[in-house]
C-alpha atoms as a PDB file:
ATOM      1  CA  MET A   1      -0.193   0.229  -0.048  1.00  0.00           C
ATOM      2  CA  LYS A   2       3.038   2.722   0.778  1.00  0.00           C
ATOM      3  CA  LYS A   3       4.517   1.550  -2.265  1.00  0.00           C
ATOM      4  CA  LEU A   4       0.819   2.798  -4.442  1.00  0.00           C
ATOM      5  CA  LEU A   5       1.065   6.155  -2.636  1.00  0.00           C
ATOM      6  CA  GLY A   6       3.882   6.922  -3.453  1.00  0.00           C
ATOM      7  CA  ARG A   7       3.391   6.606  -6.488  1.00  0.00           C
ATOM      8  CA  ILE A   8       0.173   8.478  -6.676  1.00  0.00           C
ATOM      9  CA  ASP A   9       2.565  10.655  -5.185  1.00  0.00           C
ATOM     10  CA  THR A  10       4.242  11.205  -7.614  1.00  0.00           C
ATOM     11  CA  LEU A  11       1.649  10.864 -10.575  1.00  0.00           C
ATOM     12  CA  ILE A  12       0.373  14.647  -8.428  1.00  0.00           C
ATOM     13  CA  TYR A  13       3.672  15.670  -8.010  1.00  0.00           C
ATOM     14  CA  LEU A  14       4.090  15.259 -11.606  1.00  0.00           C
ATOM     15  CA  ILE A  15       1.482  17.083 -12.554  1.00  0.00           C
ATOM     16  CA  VAL A  16       1.231  19.806 -10.427  1.00  0.00           C
ATOM     17  CA  GLY A  17       4.894  20.229  -9.881  1.00  0.00           C
ATOM     18  CA  PRO A  18       7.047  20.018 -13.620  1.00  0.00           C
ATOM     19  CA  PHE A  19       3.903  20.280 -15.355  1.00  0.00           C
ATOM     20  CA  GLY A  20       2.961  22.700 -14.772  1.00  0.00           C
ATOM     21  CA  VAL A  21       5.641  24.951 -13.792  1.00  0.00           C
ATOM     22  CA  LEU A  22       7.458  24.188 -17.523  1.00  0.00           C
ATOM     23  CA  TYR A  23       4.225  23.878 -20.104  1.00  0.00           C
ATOM     24  CA  VAL A  24       0.531  25.123 -18.550  1.00  0.00           C
ATOM     25  CA  PHE A  25       2.110  28.660 -16.334  1.00  0.00           C
ATOM     26  CA  PRO A  26       3.874  29.163 -19.768  1.00  0.00           C
ATOM     27  CA  ARG A  27       1.103  28.709 -22.440  1.00  0.00           C
ATOM     28  CA  TYR A  28      -0.996  31.069 -20.351  1.00  0.00           C
ATOM     29  CA  LEU A  29       1.539  33.232 -19.967  1.00  0.00           C
ATOM     30  CA  LEU A  30       2.141  32.780 -24.499  1.00  0.00           C
ATOM     31  CA  GLN A  31      -1.878  33.204 -24.908  1.00  0.00           C
ATOM     32  CA  LEU A  32      -1.696  35.869 -23.028  1.00  0.00           C
ATOM     33  CA  GLU A  33       0.726  37.788 -24.644  1.00  0.00           C
ATOM     34  CA  GLN A  34      -0.886  36.825 -27.925  1.00  0.00           C
ATOM     35  CA  GLN A  35      -4.062  38.730 -26.731  1.00  0.00           C
ATOM     36  CA  LEU A  36      -2.504  42.117 -25.286  1.00  0.00           C
ATOM     37  CA  GLY A  37      -0.405  41.264 -28.806  1.00  0.00           C
ATOM     38  CA  VAL A  38       3.260  41.846 -27.127  1.00  0.00           C
ATOM     39  CA  GLU A  39       4.765  39.927 -29.786  1.00  0.00           C
ATOM     40  CA  LEU A  40       8.457  40.528 -30.456  1.00  0.00           C
ATOM     41  CA  PRO A  41      10.852  39.479 -33.557  1.00  0.00           C
ATOM     42  CA  ARG A  42      11.734  35.890 -33.294  1.00  0.00           C
ATOM     43  CA  LEU A  43      15.270  35.661 -34.371  1.00  0.00           C
ATOM     44  CA  ALA A  44      16.084  31.766 -35.839  1.00  0.00           C
ATOM     45  CA  ILE A  45      19.360  31.502 -33.788  1.00  0.00           C
ATOM     46  CA  LEU A  46      17.436  32.339 -30.612  1.00  0.00           C
ATOM     47  CA  LYS A  47      14.763  29.418 -31.247  1.00  0.00           C
ATOM     48  CA  TYR A  48      17.482  27.200 -32.070  1.00  0.00           C
ATOM     49  CA  ALA A  49      19.283  27.908 -29.047  1.00  0.00           C
ATOM     50  CA  GLY A  50      16.299  27.528 -26.908  1.00  0.00           C
ATOM     51  CA  VAL A  51      15.480  24.422 -28.295  1.00  0.00           C
ATOM     52  CA  ALA A  52      18.568  22.980 -27.341  1.00  0.00           C
ATOM     53  CA  LEU A  53      18.561  24.233 -23.908  1.00  0.00           C
ATOM     54  CA  MET A  54      15.475  22.409 -23.429  1.00  0.00           C
ATOM     55  CA  ASN A  55      16.295  19.053 -24.786  1.00  0.00           C
ATOM     56  CA  LEU A  56      19.633  19.457 -22.523  1.00  0.00           C
ATOM     57  CA  GLY A  57      16.760  20.482 -19.823  1.00  0.00           C
ATOM     58  CA  GLY A  58      14.479  17.268 -20.394  1.00  0.00           C
ATOM     59  CA  LEU A  59      17.806  15.127 -20.834  1.00  0.00           C
ATOM     60  CA  LEU A  60      19.235  16.260 -17.436  1.00  0.00           C
ATOM     61  CA  ALA A  61      15.497  15.360 -15.561  1.00  0.00           C
ATOM     62  CA  ILE A  62      15.988  12.416 -16.983  1.00  0.00           C
ATOM     63  CA  VAL A  63      19.207  11.300 -16.308  1.00  0.00           C
ATOM     64  CA  CYS A  64      18.591  12.757 -12.605  1.00  0.00           C
ATOM     65  CA  ALA A  65      15.156  10.529 -12.316  1.00  0.00           C
ATOM     66  CA  LEU A  66      17.129   7.766 -13.432  1.00  0.00           C
ATOM     67  CA  MET A  67      19.192   8.242 -10.835  1.00  0.00           C
ATOM     68  CA  MET A  68      16.940   8.338  -7.897  1.00  0.00           C
ATOM     69  CA  TYR A  69      14.976   5.933  -8.780  1.00  0.00           C
ATOM     70  CA  ARG A  70      18.429   3.059  -9.435  1.00  0.00           C
ATOM     71  CA  HIS A  71      19.887   4.444  -6.462  1.00  0.00           C
ATOM     72  CA  GLY A  72      16.620   3.242  -3.480  1.00  0.00           C
ATOM     73  CA  LYS A  73      13.864   5.865  -3.714  1.00  0.00           C
ATOM     74  CA  GLU A  74      11.851   4.879  -7.061  1.00  0.00           C
ATOM     75  CA  THR A  75      10.513   8.059  -7.123  1.00  0.00           C
ATOM     76  CA  VAL A  76      10.691  11.551  -8.577  1.00  0.00           C
ATOM     77  CA  SER A  77       8.801  12.933  -5.679  1.00  0.00           C
ATOM     78  CA  PRO A  78      10.718  15.552  -3.433  1.00  0.00           C
ATOM     79  CA  PHE A  79       7.246  14.620  -0.744  1.00  0.00           C
ATOM     80  CA  VAL A  80       9.064  10.651  -0.253  1.00  0.00           C
ATOM     81  CA  GLY A  81      11.995  10.558   1.235  1.00  0.00           C
ATOM     82  CA  PRO A  82      14.884  10.009   0.130  1.00  0.00           C
ATOM     83  CA  LYS A  83      16.825   6.475   0.803  1.00  0.00           C
ATOM     84  CA  THR A  84      19.846   7.345  -0.614  1.00  0.00           C
ATOM     85  CA  LEU A  85      22.801  10.803  -0.771  1.00  0.00           C
ATOM     86  CA  LEU A  86      23.071  11.057  -4.027  1.00  0.00           C
ATOM     87  CA  ARG A  87      26.065  12.190  -4.784  1.00  0.00           C
ATOM     88  CA  SER A  88      27.128  11.102  -7.881  1.00  0.00           C
ATOM     89  CA  GLY A  89      26.705  12.088 -11.833  1.00  0.00           C
ATOM     90  CA  PRO A  90      25.484  15.835 -12.383  1.00  0.00           C
ATOM     91  CA  TYR A  91      24.619  15.797  -8.541  1.00  0.00           C
ATOM     92  CA  ALA A  92      28.709  16.320  -7.860  1.00  0.00           C
ATOM     93  CA  TRP A  93      28.283  18.755  -9.693  1.00  0.00           C
ATOM     94  CA  VAL A  94      25.657  20.819  -8.521  1.00  0.00           C
ATOM     95  CA  ARG A  95      23.533  20.247  -5.362  1.00  0.00           C
ATOM     96  CA  HIS A  96      20.021  20.670  -6.954  1.00  0.00           C
ATOM     97  CA  PRO A  97      20.074  19.369 -10.984  1.00  0.00           C
ATOM     98  CA  MET A  98      16.901  18.824 -11.251  1.00  0.00           C
ATOM     99  CA  MET A  99      16.124  23.102 -10.761  1.00  0.00           C
ATOM    100  CA  TRP A 100      18.419  23.544 -13.331  1.00  0.00           C
ATOM    101  CA  SER A 101      17.402  20.974 -16.128  1.00  0.00           C
ATOM    102  CA  GLY A 102      14.084  23.140 -15.187  1.00  0.00           C
ATOM    103  CA  THR A 103      15.504  26.495 -15.549  1.00  0.00           C
ATOM    104  CA  PHE A 104      17.168  25.280 -19.066  1.00  0.00           C
ATOM    105  CA  VAL A 105      13.591  24.272 -20.638  1.00  0.00           C
ATOM    106  CA  LEU A 106      12.360  27.965 -18.993  1.00  0.00           C
ATOM    107  CA  VAL A 107      15.679  29.904 -20.618  1.00  0.00           C
ATOM    108  CA  GLY A 108      15.078  27.833 -23.689  1.00  0.00           C
ATOM    109  CA  LEU A 109      11.196  28.568 -24.170  1.00  0.00           C
ATOM    110  CA  MET A 110      11.748  32.102 -23.508  1.00  0.00           C
ATOM    111  CA  LEU A 111      13.829  32.397 -26.143  1.00  0.00           C
ATOM    112  CA  VAL A 112      12.052  30.244 -28.585  1.00  0.00           C
ATOM    113  CA  TYR A 113       9.276  32.873 -28.477  1.00  0.00           C
ATOM    114  CA  SER A 114      10.719  36.058 -27.323  1.00  0.00           C
ATOM    115  CA  SER A 115       8.829  36.269 -24.414  1.00  0.00           C
ATOM    116  CA  PRO A 116       8.854  38.821 -21.788  1.00  0.00           C
ATOM    117  CA  LEU A 117       6.490  37.692 -19.991  1.00  0.00           C
ATOM    118  CA  MET A 118       8.356  34.263 -19.765  1.00  0.00           C
ATOM    119  CA  ALA A 119      10.773  36.188 -18.691  1.00  0.00           C
ATOM    120  CA  LEU A 120       8.568  37.041 -16.325  1.00  0.00           C
ATOM    121  CA  TRP A 121       8.337  33.298 -14.878  1.00  0.00           C
ATOM    122  CA  LEU A 122      11.828  32.404 -15.390  1.00  0.00           C
ATOM    123  CA  ALA A 123      12.667  35.223 -12.645  1.00  0.00           C
ATOM    124  CA  ILE A 124       9.580  33.738 -10.351  1.00  0.00           C
ATOM    125  CA  TRP A 125      10.326  30.498 -11.127  1.00  0.00           C
ATOM    126  CA  SER A 126      14.483  31.157  -9.991  1.00  0.00           C
ATOM    127  CA  ARG A 127      13.561  33.257  -7.084  1.00  0.00           C
ATOM    128  CA  PHE A 128      10.359  30.030  -6.557  1.00  0.00           C
ATOM    129  CA  ALA A 129      13.547  27.581  -6.151  1.00  0.00           C
ATOM    130  CA  ALA A 130      16.216  29.649  -4.252  1.00  0.00           C
ATOM    131  CA  VAL A 131      13.455  29.636  -1.394  1.00  0.00           C
ATOM    132  CA  TYR A 132      12.428  26.693  -2.045  1.00  0.00           C
ATOM    133  CA  ILE A 133      15.994  24.803  -2.137  1.00  0.00           C
ATOM    134  CA  ALA A 134      17.213  26.894   0.829  1.00  0.00           C
ATOM    135  CA  ARG A 135      14.160  27.137   3.871  1.00  0.00           C
ATOM    136  CA  TYR A 136      12.617  23.479   2.471  1.00  0.00           C
ATOM    137  CA  GLU A 137      14.408  20.816   0.582  1.00  0.00           C
ATOM    138  CA  GLU A 138      18.096  21.793   2.110  1.00  0.00           C
ATOM    139  CA  PRO A 139      17.231  21.500   5.983  1.00  0.00           C
ATOM    140  CA  TYR A 140      15.226  18.223   5.107  1.00  0.00           C
ATOM    141  CA  LEU A 141      17.961  16.617   2.999  1.00  0.00           C
ATOM    142  CA  GLU A 142      20.284  17.856   5.832  1.00  0.00           C
ATOM    143  CA  SER A 143      18.110  16.578   9.346  1.00  0.00           C
ATOM    144  CA  VAL A 144      17.180  13.304   7.067  1.00  0.00           C
ATOM    145  CA  PHE A 145      21.175  12.044   6.201  1.00  0.00           C
ATOM    146  CA  GLY A 146      23.384  15.106   9.148  1.00  0.00           C
ATOM    147  CA  GLU A 147      26.519  15.099   8.562  1.00  0.00           C
ATOM    148  CA  GLN A 148      26.123  12.938   5.736  1.00  0.00           C
ATOM    149  CA  TYR A 149      24.544  16.579   3.949  1.00  0.00           C
ATOM    150  CA  ARG A 150      27.037  19.064   5.935  1.00  0.00           C
ATOM    151  CA  ASP A 151      30.075  17.234   3.691  1.00  0.00           C
ATOM    152  CA  TYR A 152      28.367  17.148   0.549  1.00  0.00           C
ATOM    153  CA  CYS A 153      26.628  20.574   1.129  1.00  0.00           C
ATOM    154  CA  ARG A 154      31.111  21.371   1.462  1.00  0.00           C
ATOM    155  CA  HIS A 155      32.087  20.179  -1.659  1.00  0.00           C
ATOM    156  CA  THR A 156      29.828  20.231  -3.888  1.00  0.00           C
ATOM    157  CA  PRO A 157      27.812  23.584  -4.931  1.00  0.00           C
ATOM    158  CA  ARG A 158      23.917  24.650  -4.365  1.00  0.00           C
ATOM    159  CA  TRP A 159      23.544  26.312  -7.719  1.00  0.00           C
ATOM    160  CA  PHE A 160      26.761  26.761  -9.935  1.00  0.00           C
ATOM    161  CA  PRO A 161      29.105  24.291 -11.195  1.00  0.00           C
ATOM    162  CA  TRP A 162      32.086  27.140 -10.703  1.00  0.00           C
ATOM    163  CA  GLY A 163      30.678  27.819  -7.420  1.00  0.00           C
ATOM    164  CA  THR A 164      31.521  27.675  -3.878  1.00  0.00           C
ATOM    165  CA  ALA A 165      30.334  25.471  -1.765  1.00  0.00           C
ATOM    166  CA  GLU A 166      28.135  25.871   1.637  1.00  0.00           C
END
């Protein structure tokens, strides 16, 4: 029963979380721009760069989700407690690569559609991600993994691979 509930939680998370952030809100904002007559020139180079970023974000999300699944969590839902601390692959570069995947997709959408409202949504998403990570996810992971997570934080940057840890 617990495994079934975990799968249901994952499905709900995927619909509300990534689907809402990366599809529902962007679609709404793009339609709003169209209704308001907001139309910036769309350059082919930006469109290709945007598509490349969206694909990179999708690939990164798949890699991270597979790693979470394979390392005992059996779900990508943040509401199901982690069983192991991932420190390899993208998790060796930054502590929150799944947030990067969403950001890549949103930047890609912004470039493809030359959308000022998408730029605003990207800023809102970025702020939400920073607050969520600092106030919920990292304290939770520290409470679960203790010193192991603190060591990970000392050696792995939160956001930028070239940044400093902690």
